[in-house]
Amino acid sequence: MYKLLDTVALTHDMPDAGLQRGDLGAIVELLAPDAMEVEFVAASGRTQALLTLHAEDIRHVGDRDVIAVRTLEGAAG
């Protein structure tokens, strides 16, 4: 299962939060066995989104994953 501060990846796009499948987040709060608060940050460290998600919304990150950088839609700079 998931633990506090695990790095996880989204399993699907979340356009309302400006997030896409594969974006990385960190579990910052465990709410229930199947619910957790996940923080997603920009490369600068600014919080992009803090969402309550369920196990089907995220997956563990592993050795076969590659980290990439993308520009947020509509972001200035």
N, C-alpha and C. Protein backbone atom coordinates (compact mmCIF):
# COMPACT_ATOMS: atom_id res chain seq x y z
N MET A 1 0.84 -1.19 0.00
CA MET A 1 0.00 0.00 0.00
C MET A 1 0.88 1.25 0.00
N TYR A 2 0.27 2.38 0.15
CA TYR A 2 1.00 3.65 0.09
C TYR A 2 1.39 4.12 1.49
N LYS A 3 2.52 4.87 1.53
CA LYS A 3 3.02 5.41 2.79
C LYS A 3 3.18 6.91 2.64
N LEU A 4 3.23 7.59 3.77
CA LEU A 4 3.49 9.03 3.80
C LEU A 4 4.80 9.33 3.07
N LEU A 5 4.78 10.34 2.23
CA LEU A 5 5.91 10.83 1.44
C LEU A 5 6.31 9.95 0.27
N ASP A 6 5.53 8.92 -0.05
CA ASP A 6 5.77 8.15 -1.28
C ASP A 6 5.63 9.09 -2.48
N THR A 7 6.49 8.89 -3.48
CA THR A 7 6.34 9.59 -4.75
C THR A 7 5.47 8.71 -5.63
N VAL A 8 4.44 9.33 -6.22
CA VAL A 8 3.48 8.58 -7.03
C VAL A 8 3.25 9.31 -8.35
N ALA A 9 2.68 8.60 -9.32
CA ALA A 9 2.34 9.16 -10.62
C ALA A 9 0.84 9.06 -10.84
N LEU A 10 0.28 10.08 -11.47
CA LEU A 10 -1.15 10.05 -11.82
C LEU A 10 -1.42 8.99 -12.88
N THR A 11 -2.56 8.33 -12.78
CA THR A 11 -2.94 7.32 -13.77
C THR A 11 -3.83 7.89 -14.88
N HIS A 12 -4.28 9.13 -14.73
CA HIS A 12 -5.13 9.75 -15.75
C HIS A 12 -5.02 11.27 -15.64
N ASP A 13 -5.39 11.97 -16.72
CA ASP A 13 -5.37 13.42 -16.73
C ASP A 13 -6.36 13.98 -15.72
N MET A 14 -6.00 15.11 -15.14
CA MET A 14 -6.90 15.88 -14.25
C MET A 14 -6.85 17.34 -14.70
N PRO A 15 -7.55 17.65 -15.81
CA PRO A 15 -7.44 18.97 -16.42
C PRO A 15 -7.84 20.12 -15.50
N ASP A 16 -8.79 19.91 -14.62
CA ASP A 16 -9.21 20.99 -13.71
C ASP A 16 -8.08 21.42 -12.78
N ALA A 17 -7.13 20.52 -12.52
CA ALA A 17 -5.98 20.83 -11.66
C ALA A 17 -4.73 21.15 -12.49
N GLY A 18 -4.85 21.11 -13.83
CA GLY A 18 -3.71 21.36 -14.68
C GLY A 18 -2.72 20.22 -14.71
N LEU A 19 -3.18 19.01 -14.40
CA LEU A 19 -2.29 17.84 -14.31
C LEU A 19 -2.57 16.84 -15.43
N GLN A 20 -1.52 16.11 -15.79
CA GLN A 20 -1.64 15.09 -16.83
C GLN A 20 -1.19 13.73 -16.30
N ARG A 21 -1.68 12.70 -16.95
CA ARG A 21 -1.25 11.33 -16.63
C ARG A 21 0.27 11.28 -16.57
N GLY A 22 0.82 10.67 -15.53
CA GLY A 22 2.26 10.55 -15.38
C GLY A 22 2.90 11.64 -14.54
N ASP A 23 2.17 12.74 -14.27
CA ASP A 23 2.74 13.78 -13.40
C ASP A 23 3.03 13.20 -12.03
N LEU A 24 4.15 13.63 -11.44
CA LEU A 24 4.59 13.12 -10.15
C LEU A 24 4.07 13.97 -9.00
N GLY A 25 3.69 13.29 -7.93
CA GLY A 25 3.26 13.96 -6.71
C GLY A 25 3.81 13.22 -5.50
N ALA A 26 3.64 13.82 -4.35
CA ALA A 26 4.08 13.20 -3.09
C ALA A 26 2.88 13.08 -2.16
N ILE A 27 2.74 11.93 -1.53
CA ILE A 27 1.67 11.74 -0.55
C ILE A 27 2.04 12.50 0.71
N VAL A 28 1.19 13.46 1.08
CA VAL A 28 1.48 14.30 2.25
C VAL A 28 0.54 14.03 3.41
N GLU A 29 -0.50 13.24 3.18
CA GLU A 29 -1.44 12.91 4.26
C GLU A 29 -2.17 11.62 3.88
N LEU A 30 -2.27 10.71 4.82
CA LEU A 30 -3.06 9.49 4.64
C LEU A 30 -4.38 9.69 5.35
N LEU A 31 -5.49 9.66 4.60
CA LEU A 31 -6.81 9.96 5.15
C LEU A 31 -7.59 8.70 5.51
N ALA A 32 -7.39 7.64 4.74
CA ALA A 32 -8.10 6.37 4.92
C ALA A 32 -7.29 5.33 4.15
N PRO A 33 -7.62 4.07 4.27
CA PRO A 33 -6.86 3.06 3.53
C PRO A 33 -6.81 3.33 2.02
N ASP A 34 -7.83 3.97 1.48
CA ASP A 34 -7.89 4.21 0.04
C ASP A 34 -8.01 5.69 -0.31
N ALA A 35 -7.64 6.59 0.60
CA ALA A 35 -7.73 8.03 0.32
C ALA A 35 -6.49 8.72 0.88
N MET A 36 -5.93 9.63 0.08
CA MET A 36 -4.74 10.34 0.51
C MET A 36 -4.67 11.72 -0.12
N GLU A 37 -3.99 12.63 0.56
CA GLU A 37 -3.71 13.95 0.00
C GLU A 37 -2.39 13.84 -0.76
N VAL A 38 -2.39 14.31 -1.99
CA VAL A 38 -1.19 14.25 -2.81
C VAL A 38 -0.88 15.66 -3.29
N GLU A 39 0.38 16.07 -3.10
CA GLU A 39 0.82 17.40 -3.53
C GLU A 39 1.62 17.26 -4.81
N PHE A 40 1.30 18.12 -5.78
CA PHE A 40 2.00 18.19 -7.05
C PHE A 40 2.66 19.57 -7.11
N VAL A 41 3.93 19.60 -7.46
CA VAL A 41 4.65 20.87 -7.47
C VAL A 41 5.27 21.14 -8.83
N ALA A 42 5.45 22.43 -9.12
CA ALA A 42 6.19 22.85 -10.31
C ALA A 42 7.67 22.66 -10.03
N ALA A 43 8.49 22.71 -11.06
CA ALA A 43 9.93 22.52 -10.90
C ALA A 43 10.53 23.56 -9.95
N SER A 44 9.89 24.72 -9.83
CA SER A 44 10.37 25.77 -8.93
C SER A 44 10.08 25.47 -7.46
N GLY A 45 9.22 24.48 -7.22
CA GLY A 45 8.83 24.14 -5.85
C GLY A 45 7.47 24.70 -5.46
N ARG A 46 6.87 25.51 -6.33
CA ARG A 46 5.53 26.06 -6.07
C ARG A 46 4.49 24.94 -6.18
N THR A 47 3.57 24.91 -5.24
CA THR A 47 2.51 23.90 -5.28
C THR A 47 1.59 24.17 -6.47
N GLN A 48 1.44 23.18 -7.32
CA GLN A 48 0.53 23.26 -8.46
C GLN A 48 -0.87 22.81 -8.04
N ALA A 49 -0.93 21.75 -7.26
CA ALA A 49 -2.23 21.22 -6.82
C ALA A 49 -2.03 20.38 -5.57
N LEU A 50 -3.03 20.40 -4.71
CA LEU A 50 -3.10 19.54 -3.53
C LEU A 50 -4.47 18.88 -3.59
N LEU A 51 -4.48 17.58 -3.86
CA LEU A 51 -5.73 16.87 -4.15
C LEU A 51 -5.93 15.68 -3.23
N THR A 52 -7.18 15.39 -2.92
CA THR A 52 -7.53 14.14 -2.27
C THR A 52 -7.77 13.12 -3.38
N LEU A 53 -6.95 12.07 -3.38
CA LEU A 53 -7.03 11.05 -4.42
C LEU A 53 -7.22 9.68 -3.81
N HIS A 54 -7.61 8.73 -4.67
CA HIS A 54 -7.80 7.35 -4.26
C HIS A 54 -6.78 6.47 -4.98
N ALA A 55 -6.64 5.24 -4.54
CA ALA A 55 -5.63 4.34 -5.08
C ALA A 55 -5.72 4.20 -6.59
N GLU A 56 -6.90 4.24 -7.18
CA GLU A 56 -7.02 4.08 -8.63
C GLU A 56 -6.54 5.33 -9.39
N ASP A 57 -6.34 6.45 -8.69
CA ASP A 57 -5.90 7.68 -9.33
C ASP A 57 -4.37 7.77 -9.45
N ILE A 58 -3.66 6.94 -8.72
CA ILE A 58 -2.20 7.02 -8.67
C ILE A 58 -1.58 5.63 -8.78
N ARG A 59 -0.27 5.63 -9.00
CA ARG A 59 0.47 4.37 -8.99
C ARG A 59 1.86 4.65 -8.43
N HIS A 60 2.49 3.60 -7.94
CA HIS A 60 3.86 3.73 -7.46
C HIS A 60 4.79 4.05 -8.63
N VAL A 61 5.89 4.72 -8.34
CA VAL A 61 6.91 5.03 -9.33
C VAL A 61 8.03 4.01 -9.16
N GLY A 62 8.56 3.51 -10.29
CA GLY A 62 9.58 2.47 -10.22
C GLY A 62 10.76 2.72 -11.13
N ASP A 63 11.64 1.73 -11.18
CA ASP A 63 12.87 1.82 -11.96
C ASP A 63 12.63 1.93 -13.46
N ARG A 64 11.46 1.56 -13.93
CA ARG A 64 11.18 1.63 -15.36
C ARG A 64 10.55 2.97 -15.76
N ASP A 65 10.40 3.88 -14.81
CA ASP A 65 9.85 5.21 -15.08
C ASP A 65 10.98 6.20 -15.34
N VAL A 66 10.73 7.14 -16.24
CA VAL A 66 11.66 8.21 -16.56
C VAL A 66 11.00 9.52 -16.15
N ILE A 67 11.76 10.38 -15.49
CA ILE A 67 11.25 11.69 -15.09
C ILE A 67 11.45 12.66 -16.24
N ALA A 68 10.42 13.45 -16.56
CA ALA A 68 10.48 14.44 -17.63
C ALA A 68 9.94 15.77 -17.11
N VAL A 69 10.21 16.82 -17.85
CA VAL A 69 9.70 18.15 -17.51
C VAL A 69 8.82 18.62 -18.65
N ARG A 70 7.69 19.22 -18.31
CA ARG A 70 6.80 19.80 -19.32
C ARG A 70 6.38 21.17 -18.84
N THR A 71 5.98 22.04 -19.77
CA THR A 71 5.51 23.36 -19.43
C THR A 71 4.01 23.29 -19.16
N LEU A 72 3.58 23.89 -18.06
CA LEU A 72 2.16 23.93 -17.74
C LEU A 72 1.41 24.76 -18.75
N GLU A 73 0.25 24.29 -19.15
CA GLU A 73 -0.59 25.02 -20.10
C GLU A 73 -0.96 26.37 -19.50
N GLY A 74 -0.79 27.42 -20.28
CA GLY A 74 -1.19 28.75 -19.84
C GLY A 74 -0.26 29.37 -18.80
N ALA A 75 0.84 28.71 -18.47
CA ALA A 75 1.75 29.25 -17.46
C ALA A 75 2.61 30.36 -18.06
N ALA A 76 2.78 31.41 -17.30
CA ALA A 76 3.64 32.51 -17.73
C ALA A 76 5.09 32.17 -17.42
N GLY A 77 6.00 32.63 -18.25
CA GLY A 77 7.43 32.46 -17.96
C GLY A 77 7.92 31.22 -18.51
